[in-house]
Amino acid sequence: MTEGEGASVRGDSWERARSVLAVAGLPPGALARVRPLSGGTYNTVEELVLADGSRYVLKIPPAPATPGLRYERRLLVSEAAFCAGAAEAGVPAPRAVSLGDDGVHLLMTACPGAPWTEAAPADGERTGLRRELGRQVARLHRVTGPGFGYPSGALGPLVADWRTAFTAMTDAVLADARRYGARLPRPVDEVAGAVRAAGAALDGVTVPALVHFDLWPGNILVDRSATGEARIGGLVDGERMFWGDPLADFVSLALLDDIGKDEAFLAGYREAGGRAGFDAEARVRLALYRAYLYLIMIVETVPRAPGGDHERWVRDAVGPELEAALDEMAELC
C-alpha cells in the first residue's frame, strides 16, 4: 500500500467512525483514535477511543456480495441480541450502543482485559477463572427468548420447537457444503441422514435459552487491571448466538475436547443453578452440536480461503472430531 492509499483508508475509517458516533448520539468531534482489531474472521472490527478515554468497538459486516454461509447474514443483529441478554443476566460483556438499520454496523462498549489466549493465565489462576466462567455462563442460560433459532432471521423466523430450528440450522450448513464443494470426511447426504436420525433427542428441549456458541478462549477476556487478580473481563463476539439448548455452549467451551473434564467450569456452572447432566440423551444432543460446529468450521474454509496451514489444521484436527461425533450419534441412537 502506498502512502496515499494508506491515508485514504485511514480517512475512510475515521469518516465512518465519526458518522457512527453521531448516529449513536456521541460527539463525533471527540474521536481521538481508530485502531483495527485482529482476531475476527468475518466482520471488520475497530476500536474507537474518544478524547475522554472512553473506548468502543465498532463492527462492520462485509459487503453483501461477499461469499459466506447462510446463517451469517445479519450477524450483527444477533450480536446485539446477545449484548441485550448479557446485560439482562448481569454478565460482563459488551453493551450495544447503536445498531444500524438491518445490521449495517454495531457500536458497542469495550470490555477490559485481553483474550484468554493472550493473557495466558497461570496454573494457579486457571481453576478460579474457569469456575467464575461457569457461573457467568449459567447466568446467561437463564435468559430466554421468544422462540428457537437465530434472532437475525437469517434462516427464517423463530419457531416454536427446537428440533425444527436445529434441523433448519444443520440443513443450511449442509446446503452450504454442497454449494461450495466443501471436503467433508463423509458424504453430505450421509451426514444429513445421521443428524436426522438423532433428532428425537432434541424434543426434550422446550425453553429457548441464550446460547453464545462461540466461547472458545479467544472470546473470553481475562482482566487484571483492577486489583491485579485475574478475573473474567468480558464474553465477546456474540454474533453467532441463537436461542436454543444451553448444552450447545459446552461445545465451544471445550473445543475439540470433552467438557466433562473441566471440573472447575462445571462446578461453577452448577453453583449458579446451571443443569449439566450427561445421560444418554444429553450425550446425543452434545454430539449433534459438536457435529454442527465442526461442519461450520470445515465449510467456512472454502469462502474464507484462510490459507494452507489453517486449512490443513481443520482437515487434520476438526475432520476426525466430526466423524467421532457422527459415530457417537449412531452408537447412542
C-alpha atoms as a PDB file:
ATOM      1  CA  MET A   1       0.000   0.000   0.000  1.00  0.00           C
ATOM      2  CA  THR A   2       1.338   3.394  -0.945  1.00  0.00           C
ATOM      3  CA  GLU A   3       1.399   6.344   1.454  1.00  0.00           C
ATOM      4  CA  GLY A   4      -1.516   7.920  -0.394  1.00  0.00           C
ATOM      5  CA  GLU A   5      -3.556   4.732  -0.297  1.00  0.00           C
ATOM      6  CA  GLY A   6      -2.878   4.355   3.417  1.00  0.00           C
ATOM      7  CA  ALA A   7      -4.063   7.900   4.082  1.00  0.00           C
ATOM      8  CA  SER A   8      -7.224   7.192   2.073  1.00  0.00           C
ATOM      9  CA  VAL A   9      -8.025   4.042   4.069  1.00  0.00           C
ATOM     10  CA  ARG A  10      -7.378   5.924   7.315  1.00  0.00           C
ATOM     11  CA  GLY A  11      -9.623   8.773   6.169  1.00  0.00           C
ATOM     12  CA  ASP A  12     -12.453   6.417   5.214  1.00  0.00           C
ATOM     13  CA  SER A  13     -12.197   4.656   8.567  1.00  0.00           C
ATOM     14  CA  TRP A  14     -12.303   7.925  10.524  1.00  0.00           C
ATOM     15  CA  GLU A  15     -15.178   9.278   8.463  1.00  0.00           C
ATOM     16  CA  ARG A  16     -17.163   6.082   9.059  1.00  0.00           C
ATOM     17  CA  ALA A  17     -16.362   6.094  12.787  1.00  0.00           C
ATOM     18  CA  ARG A  18     -17.432   9.723  13.164  1.00  0.00           C
ATOM     19  CA  SER A  19     -20.665   9.020  11.324  1.00  0.00           C
ATOM     20  CA  VAL A  20     -21.480   6.062  13.580  1.00  0.00           C
ATOM     21  CA  LEU A  21     -20.731   8.094  16.702  1.00  0.00           C
ATOM     22  CA  ALA A  22     -23.136  10.770  15.504  1.00  0.00           C
ATOM     23  CA  VAL A  23     -25.873   8.186  14.923  1.00  0.00           C
ATOM     24  CA  ALA A  24     -25.269   6.877  18.454  1.00  0.00           C
ATOM     25  CA  GLY A  25     -25.632  10.355  19.947  1.00  0.00           C
ATOM     26  CA  LEU A  26     -21.945  10.587  20.833  1.00  0.00           C
ATOM     27  CA  PRO A  27     -19.803  13.602  19.851  1.00  0.00           C
ATOM     28  CA  PRO A  28     -18.026  12.753  16.575  1.00  0.00           C
ATOM     29  CA  GLY A  29     -15.525  15.527  17.214  1.00  0.00           C
ATOM     30  CA  ALA A  30     -14.343  13.695  20.348  1.00  0.00           C
ATOM     31  CA  LEU A  31     -12.890  10.835  18.306  1.00  0.00           C
ATOM     32  CA  ALA A  32      -9.201  10.564  19.205  1.00  0.00           C
ATOM     33  CA  ARG A  33      -8.137   7.229  17.734  1.00  0.00           C
ATOM     34  CA  VAL A  34      -9.310   4.453  15.424  1.00  0.00           C
ATOM     35  CA  ARG A  35      -7.460   1.177  15.674  1.00  0.00           C
ATOM     36  CA  PRO A  36      -8.177  -2.036  13.732  1.00  0.00           C
ATOM     37  CA  LEU A  37      -8.627  -5.104  15.921  1.00  0.00           C
ATOM     38  CA  SER A  38      -7.424  -8.509  14.792  1.00  0.00           C
ATOM     39  CA  GLY A  39      -8.889 -11.914  15.530  1.00  0.00           C
ATOM     40  CA  GLY A  40     -12.160 -11.639  13.631  1.00  0.00           C
ATOM     41  CA  THR A  41     -12.668 -13.744  10.519  1.00  0.00           C
ATOM     42  CA  TYR A  42     -15.816 -12.182   9.055  1.00  0.00           C
ATOM     43  CA  ASN A  43     -16.620  -8.623  10.172  1.00  0.00           C
ATOM     44  CA  THR A  44     -14.325  -5.593  10.142  1.00  0.00           C
ATOM     45  CA  VAL A  45     -13.635  -4.698  13.794  1.00  0.00           C
ATOM     46  CA  GLU A  46     -12.187  -1.406  15.070  1.00  0.00           C
ATOM     47  CA  GLU A  47     -11.570   0.155  18.457  1.00  0.00           C
ATOM     48  CA  LEU A  48     -12.715   3.760  18.778  1.00  0.00           C
ATOM     49  CA  VAL A  49     -11.157   5.848  21.556  1.00  0.00           C
ATOM     50  CA  LEU A  50     -12.648   9.224  22.490  1.00  0.00           C
ATOM     51  CA  ALA A  51     -10.834  12.206  23.948  1.00  0.00           C
ATOM     52  CA  ASP A  52     -12.066  11.359  27.464  1.00  0.00           C
ATOM     53  CA  GLY A  53     -10.527   7.883  27.232  1.00  0.00           C
ATOM     54  CA  SER A  54     -13.793   6.006  26.748  1.00  0.00           C
ATOM     55  CA  ARG A  55     -13.454   3.009  24.423  1.00  0.00           C
ATOM     56  CA  TYR A  56     -15.901   1.493  21.980  1.00  0.00           C
ATOM     57  CA  VAL A  57     -15.817  -1.367  19.492  1.00  0.00           C
ATOM     58  CA  LEU A  58     -17.269  -0.889  16.020  1.00  0.00           C
ATOM     59  CA  LYS A  59     -18.192  -3.831  13.809  1.00  0.00           C
ATOM     60  CA  ILE A  60     -18.944  -3.521  10.116  1.00  0.00           C
ATOM     61  CA  PRO A  61     -20.129  -6.531   8.082  1.00  0.00           C
ATOM     62  CA  PRO A  62     -18.563  -7.404   4.738  1.00  0.00           C
ATOM     63  CA  ALA A  63     -20.167  -6.260   1.504  1.00  0.00           C
ATOM     64  CA  PRO A  64     -23.401  -8.134   0.672  1.00  0.00           C
ATOM     65  CA  ALA A  65     -21.779  -9.904  -2.279  1.00  0.00           C
ATOM     66  CA  THR A  66     -19.009 -11.363  -0.090  1.00  0.00           C
ATOM     67  CA  PRO A  67     -19.197 -15.198  -0.055  1.00  0.00           C
ATOM     68  CA  GLY A  68     -20.265 -16.646   3.272  1.00  0.00           C
ATOM     69  CA  LEU A  69     -22.508 -19.173   4.977  1.00  0.00           C
ATOM     70  CA  ARG A  70     -26.273 -18.790   5.045  1.00  0.00           C
ATOM     71  CA  TYR A  71     -26.537 -18.287   8.789  1.00  0.00           C
ATOM     72  CA  GLU A  72     -24.049 -15.376   8.599  1.00  0.00           C
ATOM     73  CA  ARG A  73     -26.494 -12.877   7.113  1.00  0.00           C
ATOM     74  CA  ARG A  74     -27.300 -10.049   9.562  1.00  0.00           C
ATOM     75  CA  LEU A  75     -24.898 -11.432  12.158  1.00  0.00           C
ATOM     76  CA  LEU A  76     -24.722  -8.112  13.966  1.00  0.00           C
ATOM     77  CA  VAL A  77     -28.454  -8.284  14.705  1.00  0.00           C
ATOM     78  CA  SER A  78     -27.729 -11.496  16.598  1.00  0.00           C
ATOM     79  CA  GLU A  79     -24.794  -9.894  18.383  1.00  0.00           C
ATOM     80  CA  ALA A  80     -26.981  -7.016  19.542  1.00  0.00           C
ATOM     81  CA  ALA A  81     -29.412  -9.599  20.935  1.00  0.00           C
ATOM     82  CA  PHE A  82     -26.534 -11.251  22.786  1.00  0.00           C
ATOM     83  CA  CYS A  83     -25.478  -7.908  24.264  1.00  0.00           C
ATOM     84  CA  ALA A  84     -29.025  -7.310  25.494  1.00  0.00           C
ATOM     85  CA  GLY A  85     -29.218 -10.785  27.008  1.00  0.00           C
ATOM     86  CA  ALA A  86     -25.864 -10.453  28.738  1.00  0.00           C
ATOM     87  CA  ALA A  87     -26.976  -7.128  30.220  1.00  0.00           C
ATOM     88  CA  GLU A  88     -30.153  -8.775  31.483  1.00  0.00           C
ATOM     89  CA  ALA A  89     -28.088 -11.569  33.045  1.00  0.00           C
ATOM     90  CA  GLY A  90     -25.588  -9.176  34.630  1.00  0.00           C
ATOM     91  CA  VAL A  91     -22.708 -10.892  32.841  1.00  0.00           C
ATOM     92  CA  PRO A  92     -19.632  -8.865  31.774  1.00  0.00           C
ATOM     93  CA  ALA A  93     -19.944  -8.389  28.041  1.00  0.00           C
ATOM     94  CA  PRO A  94     -20.146  -5.521  25.570  1.00  0.00           C
ATOM     95  CA  ARG A  95     -23.245  -3.340  25.730  1.00  0.00           C
ATOM     96  CA  ALA A  96     -24.802  -2.370  22.402  1.00  0.00           C
ATOM     97  CA  VAL A  97     -24.805   1.407  21.849  1.00  0.00           C
ATOM     98  CA  SER A  98     -26.039   1.638  18.262  1.00  0.00           C
ATOM     99  CA  LEU A  99     -27.236  -0.929  15.732  1.00  0.00           C
ATOM    100  CA  GLY A 100     -27.520   0.348  12.175  1.00  0.00           C
ATOM    101  CA  ASP A 101     -30.540  -0.452  10.051  1.00  0.00           C
ATOM    102  CA  ASP A 102     -30.529  -4.140   9.095  1.00  0.00           C
ATOM    103  CA  GLY A 103     -27.227  -4.592  10.927  1.00  0.00           C
ATOM    104  CA  VAL A 104     -25.068  -2.329   8.751  1.00  0.00           C
ATOM    105  CA  HIS A 105     -22.969  -1.559  11.839  1.00  0.00           C
ATOM    106  CA  LEU A 106     -22.865  -2.332  15.550  1.00  0.00           C
ATOM    107  CA  LEU A 107     -21.246   0.024  18.046  1.00  0.00           C
ATOM    108  CA  MET A 108     -20.568  -1.493  21.464  1.00  0.00           C
ATOM    109  CA  THR A 109     -18.785  -0.604  24.664  1.00  0.00           C
ATOM    110  CA  ALA A 110     -15.341  -2.168  25.046  1.00  0.00           C
ATOM    111  CA  CYS A 111     -14.613  -4.698  27.793  1.00  0.00           C
ATOM    112  CA  PRO A 112     -11.411  -4.688  29.846  1.00  0.00           C
ATOM    113  CA  GLY A 113      -8.771  -7.365  29.510  1.00  0.00           C
ATOM    114  CA  ALA A 114      -7.078  -9.481  26.873  1.00  0.00           C
ATOM    115  CA  PRO A 115      -8.224 -12.714  25.230  1.00  0.00           C
ATOM    116  CA  TRP A 116      -7.530 -15.809  27.338  1.00  0.00           C
ATOM    117  CA  THR A 117      -5.207 -16.993  24.567  1.00  0.00           C
ATOM    118  CA  GLU A 118      -3.033 -13.891  25.056  1.00  0.00           C
ATOM    119  CA  ALA A 119      -3.433 -13.405  28.814  1.00  0.00           C
ATOM    120  CA  ALA A 120      -2.104 -16.938  29.395  1.00  0.00           C
ATOM    121  CA  PRO A 121      -3.456 -17.454  32.945  1.00  0.00           C
ATOM    122  CA  ALA A 122      -1.043 -19.229  35.278  1.00  0.00           C
ATOM    123  CA  ASP A 123      -1.933 -22.706  36.539  1.00  0.00           C
ATOM    124  CA  GLY A 124      -2.901 -21.204  39.873  1.00  0.00           C
ATOM    125  CA  GLU A 125      -5.324 -18.782  38.193  1.00  0.00           C
ATOM    126  CA  ARG A 126      -6.969 -21.153  35.767  1.00  0.00           C
ATOM    127  CA  THR A 127      -9.176 -23.051  38.216  1.00  0.00           C
ATOM    128  CA  GLY A 128     -10.683 -19.887  39.668  1.00  0.00           C
ATOM    129  CA  LEU A 129     -11.240 -18.367  36.237  1.00  0.00           C
ATOM    130  CA  ARG A 130     -12.942 -21.457  34.857  1.00  0.00           C
ATOM    131  CA  ARG A 131     -15.189 -21.613  37.922  1.00  0.00           C
ATOM    132  CA  GLU A 132     -16.098 -17.947  37.516  1.00  0.00           C
ATOM    133  CA  LEU A 133     -16.741 -18.567  33.822  1.00  0.00           C
ATOM    134  CA  GLY A 134     -19.074 -21.427  34.710  1.00  0.00           C
ATOM    135  CA  ARG A 135     -21.139 -19.144  36.941  1.00  0.00           C
ATOM    136  CA  GLN A 136     -21.363 -16.497  34.218  1.00  0.00           C
ATOM    137  CA  VAL A 137     -22.438 -18.961  31.525  1.00  0.00           C
ATOM    138  CA  ALA A 138     -25.115 -20.368  33.841  1.00  0.00           C
ATOM    139  CA  ARG A 139     -26.481 -16.840  34.292  1.00  0.00           C
ATOM    140  CA  LEU A 140     -26.529 -16.346  30.519  1.00  0.00           C
ATOM    141  CA  HIS A 141     -28.523 -19.547  30.134  1.00  0.00           C
ATOM    142  CA  ARG A 142     -31.274 -18.225  32.393  1.00  0.00           C
ATOM    143  CA  VAL A 143     -32.086 -15.612  29.727  1.00  0.00           C
ATOM    144  CA  THR A 144     -34.812 -16.879  27.419  1.00  0.00           C
ATOM    145  CA  GLY A 145     -36.085 -15.800  24.023  1.00  0.00           C
ATOM    146  CA  PRO A 146     -39.415 -15.697  22.187  1.00  0.00           C
ATOM    147  CA  GLY A 147     -38.677 -18.774  20.091  1.00  0.00           C
ATOM    148  CA  PHE A 148     -35.937 -21.073  18.815  1.00  0.00           C
ATOM    149  CA  GLY A 149     -33.357 -20.160  16.172  1.00  0.00           C
ATOM    150  CA  TYR A 150     -31.194 -17.235  15.081  1.00  0.00           C
ATOM    151  CA  PRO A 151     -32.580 -13.821  16.140  1.00  0.00           C
ATOM    152  CA  SER A 152     -31.111 -12.362  12.940  1.00  0.00           C
ATOM    153  CA  GLY A 153     -33.761 -14.157  10.893  1.00  0.00           C
ATOM    154  CA  ALA A 154     -31.034 -15.368   8.539  1.00  0.00           C
ATOM    155  CA  LEU A 155     -32.659 -18.803   8.301  1.00  0.00           C
ATOM    156  CA  GLY A 156     -36.225 -17.610   8.704  1.00  0.00           C
ATOM    157  CA  PRO A 157     -38.359 -16.571  11.682  1.00  0.00           C
ATOM    158  CA  LEU A 158     -38.015 -18.075  15.142  1.00  0.00           C
ATOM    159  CA  VAL A 159     -40.002 -21.286  15.627  1.00  0.00           C
ATOM    160  CA  ALA A 160     -41.818 -22.957  18.496  1.00  0.00           C
ATOM    161  CA  ASP A 161     -39.758 -26.147  18.810  1.00  0.00           C
ATOM    162  CA  TRP A 162     -36.046 -26.826  18.990  1.00  0.00           C
ATOM    163  CA  ARG A 163     -35.933 -29.825  16.642  1.00  0.00           C
ATOM    164  CA  THR A 164     -37.412 -27.741  13.804  1.00  0.00           C
ATOM    165  CA  ALA A 165     -34.963 -24.889  14.444  1.00  0.00           C
ATOM    166  CA  PHE A 166     -31.882 -27.084  14.727  1.00  0.00           C
ATOM    167  CA  THR A 167     -32.847 -29.086  11.636  1.00  0.00           C
ATOM    168  CA  ALA A 168     -33.049 -25.826   9.663  1.00  0.00           C
ATOM    169  CA  MET A 169     -29.634 -24.809  11.030  1.00  0.00           C
ATOM    170  CA  THR A 170     -27.945 -28.054  10.011  1.00  0.00           C
ATOM    171  CA  ASP A 171     -29.749 -28.168   6.665  1.00  0.00           C
ATOM    172  CA  ALA A 172     -28.407 -24.672   5.920  1.00  0.00           C
ATOM    173  CA  VAL A 173     -24.771 -25.514   6.608  1.00  0.00           C
ATOM    174  CA  LEU A 174     -25.079 -28.766   4.641  1.00  0.00           C
ATOM    175  CA  ALA A 175     -26.548 -26.780   1.739  1.00  0.00           C
ATOM    176  CA  ASP A 176     -23.503 -24.514   2.007  1.00  0.00           C
ATOM    177  CA  ALA A 177     -21.267 -27.590   1.931  1.00  0.00           C
ATOM    178  CA  ARG A 178     -22.885 -28.656  -1.337  1.00  0.00           C
ATOM    179  CA  ARG A 179     -22.778 -25.146  -2.817  1.00  0.00           C
ATOM    180  CA  TYR A 180     -19.077 -24.639  -2.053  1.00  0.00           C
ATOM    181  CA  GLY A 181     -17.984 -28.212  -2.680  1.00  0.00           C
ATOM    182  CA  ALA A 182     -16.555 -28.467   0.847  1.00  0.00           C
ATOM    183  CA  ARG A 183     -14.429 -31.543   1.552  1.00  0.00           C
ATOM    184  CA  LEU A 184     -16.246 -33.269   4.388  1.00  0.00           C
ATOM    185  CA  PRO A 185     -14.877 -36.517   5.846  1.00  0.00           C
ATOM    186  CA  ARG A 186     -18.150 -38.213   4.840  1.00  0.00           C
ATOM    187  CA  PRO A 187     -20.653 -37.554   2.038  1.00  0.00           C
ATOM    188  CA  VAL A 188     -23.093 -34.720   2.706  1.00  0.00           C
ATOM    189  CA  ASP A 189     -26.148 -36.986   2.411  1.00  0.00           C
ATOM    190  CA  GLU A 190     -24.662 -39.405   4.945  1.00  0.00           C
ATOM    191  CA  VAL A 191     -24.059 -36.577   7.415  1.00  0.00           C
ATOM    192  CA  ALA A 192     -27.600 -35.285   6.869  1.00  0.00           C
ATOM    193  CA  GLY A 193     -29.055 -38.734   7.489  1.00  0.00           C
ATOM    194  CA  ALA A 194     -27.089 -39.180  10.709  1.00  0.00           C
ATOM    195  CA  VAL A 195     -28.249 -35.825  12.058  1.00  0.00           C
ATOM    196  CA  ARG A 196     -31.897 -36.503  11.245  1.00  0.00           C
ATOM    197  CA  ALA A 197     -31.741 -39.988  12.782  1.00  0.00           C
ATOM    198  CA  ALA A 198     -30.673 -38.426  16.097  1.00  0.00           C
ATOM    199  CA  GLY A 199     -33.257 -35.638  16.013  1.00  0.00           C
ATOM    200  CA  ALA A 200     -35.644 -37.142  18.563  1.00  0.00           C
ATOM    201  CA  ALA A 201     -33.127 -36.329  21.316  1.00  0.00           C
ATOM    202  CA  LEU A 202     -33.875 -32.641  20.736  1.00  0.00           C
ATOM    203  CA  ASP A 203     -37.550 -32.892  21.645  1.00  0.00           C
ATOM    204  CA  GLY A 204     -36.852 -32.626  25.376  1.00  0.00           C
ATOM    205  CA  VAL A 205     -35.583 -29.058  24.946  1.00  0.00           C
ATOM    206  CA  THR A 206     -38.625 -26.844  25.499  1.00  0.00           C
ATOM    207  CA  VAL A 207     -37.206 -23.478  26.640  1.00  0.00           C
ATOM    208  CA  PRO A 208     -35.240 -21.304  24.153  1.00  0.00           C
ATOM    209  CA  ALA A 209     -32.205 -20.177  26.150  1.00  0.00           C
ATOM    210  CA  LEU A 210     -29.481 -17.729  25.134  1.00  0.00           C
ATOM    211  CA  VAL A 211     -26.602 -19.696  23.592  1.00  0.00           C
ATOM    212  CA  HIS A 212     -23.395 -17.827  22.699  1.00  0.00           C
ATOM    213  CA  PHE A 213     -21.968 -20.786  20.721  1.00  0.00           C
ATOM    214  CA  ASP A 214     -18.512 -19.278  20.241  1.00  0.00           C
ATOM    215  CA  LEU A 215     -16.997 -19.312  23.728  1.00  0.00           C
ATOM    216  CA  TRP A 216     -13.565 -20.585  22.772  1.00  0.00           C
ATOM    217  CA  PRO A 217     -10.693 -18.969  24.744  1.00  0.00           C
ATOM    218  CA  GLY A 218     -10.155 -16.204  22.188  1.00  0.00           C
ATOM    219  CA  ASN A 219     -13.594 -14.779  23.014  1.00  0.00           C
ATOM    220  CA  ILE A 220     -13.104 -14.843  26.800  1.00  0.00           C
ATOM    221  CA  LEU A 221     -11.299 -11.769  28.130  1.00  0.00           C
ATOM    222  CA  VAL A 222      -9.094 -12.002  31.224  1.00  0.00           C
ATOM    223  CA  ASP A 223      -8.654  -8.750  33.148  1.00  0.00           C
ATOM    224  CA  ARG A 224      -6.086  -7.942  35.843  1.00  0.00           C
ATOM    225  CA  SER A 225      -6.478  -4.158  35.797  1.00  0.00           C
ATOM    226  CA  ALA A 226      -8.477  -3.578  38.993  1.00  0.00           C
ATOM    227  CA  THR A 227      -6.575  -5.442  41.720  1.00  0.00           C
ATOM    228  CA  GLY A 228      -4.017  -7.477  39.817  1.00  0.00           C
ATOM    229  CA  GLU A 229      -6.136 -10.571  40.418  1.00  0.00           C
ATOM    230  CA  ALA A 230      -7.235 -12.319  37.238  1.00  0.00           C
ATOM    231  CA  ARG A 231     -10.976 -12.027  36.568  1.00  0.00           C
ATOM    232  CA  ILE A 232     -13.212 -12.576  33.569  1.00  0.00           C
ATOM    233  CA  GLY A 233     -13.348  -9.151  31.916  1.00  0.00           C
ATOM    234  CA  GLY A 234     -15.952  -9.981  29.313  1.00  0.00           C
ATOM    235  CA  LEU A 235     -17.505 -12.536  26.987  1.00  0.00           C
ATOM    236  CA  VAL A 236     -17.228 -11.083  23.485  1.00  0.00           C
ATOM    237  CA  ASP A 237     -18.087 -11.781  19.833  1.00  0.00           C
ATOM    238  CA  GLY A 238     -21.637 -12.941  20.470  1.00  0.00           C
ATOM    239  CA  GLU A 239     -22.561 -12.639  16.782  1.00  0.00           C
ATOM    240  CA  ARG A 240     -23.225 -16.376  16.421  1.00  0.00           C
ATOM    241  CA  MET A 241     -25.703 -16.546  19.291  1.00  0.00           C
ATOM    242  CA  PHE A 242     -29.029 -18.321  18.944  1.00  0.00           C
ATOM    243  CA  TRP A 243     -31.994 -19.225  21.106  1.00  0.00           C
ATOM    244  CA  GLY A 244     -31.700 -22.916  21.818  1.00  0.00           C
ATOM    245  CA  ASP A 245     -30.358 -25.627  24.107  1.00  0.00           C
ATOM    246  CA  PRO A 246     -27.874 -24.427  26.776  1.00  0.00           C
ATOM    247  CA  LEU A 247     -25.959 -27.666  26.314  1.00  0.00           C
ATOM    248  CA  ALA A 248     -24.822 -26.392  22.911  1.00  0.00           C
ATOM    249  CA  ASP A 249     -22.496 -23.876  24.573  1.00  0.00           C
ATOM    250  CA  PHE A 250     -20.441 -26.710  26.048  1.00  0.00           C
ATOM    251  CA  VAL A 251     -19.017 -27.490  22.599  1.00  0.00           C
ATOM    252  CA  SER A 252     -17.024 -24.288  22.067  1.00  0.00           C
ATOM    253  CA  LEU A 253     -16.222 -24.112  25.791  1.00  0.00           C
ATOM    254  CA  ALA A 254     -14.326 -27.383  25.311  1.00  0.00           C
ATOM    255  CA  LEU A 255     -13.394 -27.046  21.649  1.00  0.00           C
ATOM    256  CA  LEU A 256     -12.202 -30.386  20.205  1.00  0.00           C
ATOM    257  CA  ASP A 257     -12.315 -31.797  23.751  1.00  0.00           C
ATOM    258  CA  ASP A 258     -14.757 -33.029  26.418  1.00  0.00           C
ATOM    259  CA  ILE A 259     -16.440 -30.536  28.759  1.00  0.00           C
ATOM    260  CA  GLY A 260     -16.768 -33.345  31.302  1.00  0.00           C
ATOM    261  CA  LYS A 261     -13.052 -32.978  32.034  1.00  0.00           C
ATOM    262  CA  ASP A 262     -13.468 -29.320  33.035  1.00  0.00           C
ATOM    263  CA  GLU A 263     -14.386 -29.874  36.671  1.00  0.00           C
ATOM    264  CA  ALA A 264     -13.871 -26.237  37.681  1.00  0.00           C
ATOM    265  CA  PHE A 265     -16.176 -24.895  34.972  1.00  0.00           C
ATOM    266  CA  LEU A 266     -18.889 -27.445  35.751  1.00  0.00           C
ATOM    267  CA  ALA A 267     -18.651 -26.721  39.469  1.00  0.00           C
ATOM    268  CA  GLY A 268     -19.199 -23.008  38.857  1.00  0.00           C
ATOM    269  CA  TYR A 269     -21.973 -23.718  36.377  1.00  0.00           C
ATOM    270  CA  ARG A 270     -23.865 -25.864  38.875  1.00  0.00           C
ATOM    271  CA  GLU A 271     -23.243 -23.400  41.727  1.00  0.00           C
ATOM    272  CA  ALA A 272     -25.116 -20.757  39.724  1.00  0.00           C
ATOM    273  CA  GLY A 273     -28.031 -23.068  39.022  1.00  0.00           C
ATOM    274  CA  GLY A 274     -26.990 -24.492  35.668  1.00  0.00           C
ATOM    275  CA  ARG A 275     -28.063 -28.034  34.861  1.00  0.00           C
ATOM    276  CA  ALA A 276     -25.227 -30.120  33.460  1.00  0.00           C
ATOM    277  CA  GLY A 277     -26.208 -33.760  33.237  1.00  0.00           C
ATOM    278  CA  PHE A 278     -24.658 -36.189  30.776  1.00  0.00           C
ATOM    279  CA  ASP A 279     -27.158 -39.011  30.410  1.00  0.00           C
ATOM    280  CA  ALA A 280     -27.566 -40.815  27.081  1.00  0.00           C
ATOM    281  CA  GLU A 281     -29.980 -38.227  25.648  1.00  0.00           C
ATOM    282  CA  ALA A 282     -27.705 -35.339  26.626  1.00  0.00           C
ATOM    283  CA  ARG A 283     -24.753 -37.090  25.012  1.00  0.00           C
ATOM    284  CA  VAL A 284     -26.688 -37.422  21.750  1.00  0.00           C
ATOM    285  CA  ARG A 285     -27.512 -33.715  21.849  1.00  0.00           C
ATOM    286  CA  LEU A 286     -23.888 -32.839  22.561  1.00  0.00           C
ATOM    287  CA  ALA A 287     -22.818 -34.993  19.611  1.00  0.00           C
ATOM    288  CA  LEU A 288     -25.311 -33.153  17.399  1.00  0.00           C
ATOM    289  CA  TYR A 289     -23.986 -29.763  18.494  1.00  0.00           C
ATOM    290  CA  ARG A 290     -20.392 -30.869  18.022  1.00  0.00           C
ATOM    291  CA  ALA A 291     -21.246 -32.016  14.516  1.00  0.00           C
ATOM    292  CA  TYR A 292     -22.918 -28.684  13.744  1.00  0.00           C
ATOM    293  CA  LEU A 293     -19.990 -26.582  14.939  1.00  0.00           C
ATOM    294  CA  TYR A 294     -17.406 -28.750  13.229  1.00  0.00           C
ATOM    295  CA  LEU A 295     -19.402 -28.635   9.970  1.00  0.00           C
ATOM    296  CA  ILE A 296     -19.333 -24.835  10.158  1.00  0.00           C
ATOM    297  CA  MET A 297     -15.587 -24.836  10.809  1.00  0.00           C
ATOM    298  CA  ILE A 298     -14.935 -27.076   7.802  1.00  0.00           C
ATOM    299  CA  VAL A 299     -17.345 -25.474   5.330  1.00  0.00           C
ATOM    300  CA  GLU A 300     -16.368 -21.872   6.091  1.00  0.00           C
ATOM    301  CA  THR A 301     -12.788 -22.523   4.988  1.00  0.00           C
ATOM    302  CA  VAL A 302     -13.989 -22.512   1.377  1.00  0.00           C
ATOM    303  CA  PRO A 303     -15.397 -18.960   1.179  1.00  0.00           C
ATOM    304  CA  ARG A 304     -12.883 -17.662   3.776  1.00  0.00           C
ATOM    305  CA  ALA A 305      -9.864 -19.210   1.982  1.00  0.00           C
ATOM    306  CA  PRO A 306      -7.641 -18.732   5.067  1.00  0.00           C
ATOM    307  CA  GLY A 307      -4.584 -20.438   3.601  1.00  0.00           C
ATOM    308  CA  GLY A 308      -2.806 -23.758   3.719  1.00  0.00           C
ATOM    309  CA  ASP A 309      -1.818 -24.039   7.385  1.00  0.00           C
ATOM    310  CA  HIS A 310      -5.292 -23.351   8.757  1.00  0.00           C
ATOM    311  CA  GLU A 311      -6.977 -25.493   6.139  1.00  0.00           C
ATOM    312  CA  ARG A 312      -4.651 -28.386   6.982  1.00  0.00           C
ATOM    313  CA  TRP A 313      -5.392 -27.943  10.696  1.00  0.00           C
ATOM    314  CA  VAL A 314      -9.131 -28.036  10.020  1.00  0.00           C
ATOM    315  CA  ARG A 315      -8.766 -31.141   7.882  1.00  0.00           C
ATOM    316  CA  ASP A 316      -6.481 -32.968  10.327  1.00  0.00           C
ATOM    317  CA  ALA A 317      -7.974 -31.833  13.657  1.00  0.00           C
ATOM    318  CA  VAL A 318     -11.603 -30.929  13.030  1.00  0.00           C
ATOM    319  CA  GLY A 319     -12.481 -33.567  10.425  1.00  0.00           C
ATOM    320  CA  PRO A 320     -11.815 -36.523  12.757  1.00  0.00           C
ATOM    321  CA  GLU A 321     -13.831 -34.833  15.523  1.00  0.00           C
ATOM    322  CA  LEU A 322     -16.789 -34.518  13.169  1.00  0.00           C
ATOM    323  CA  GLU A 323     -16.525 -38.212  12.380  1.00  0.00           C
ATOM    324  CA  ALA A 324     -16.331 -39.051  16.083  1.00  0.00           C
ATOM    325  CA  ALA A 325     -19.492 -37.037  16.763  1.00  0.00           C
ATOM    326  CA  LEU A 326     -21.330 -38.842  13.962  1.00  0.00           C
ATOM    327  CA  ASP A 327     -20.140 -42.219  15.283  1.00  0.00           C
ATOM    328  CA  GLU A 328     -21.339 -41.365  18.781  1.00  0.00           C
ATOM    329  CA  MET A 329     -24.784 -40.463  17.469  1.00  0.00           C
ATOM    330  CA  ALA A 330     -25.011 -43.800  15.675  1.00  0.00           C
ATOM    331  CA  GLU A 331     -23.939 -45.708  18.794  1.00  0.00           C
ATOM    332  CA  LEU A 332     -26.396 -43.983  21.117  1.00  0.00           C
ATOM    333  CA  CYS A 333     -29.463 -43.810  18.846  1.00  0.00           C
END
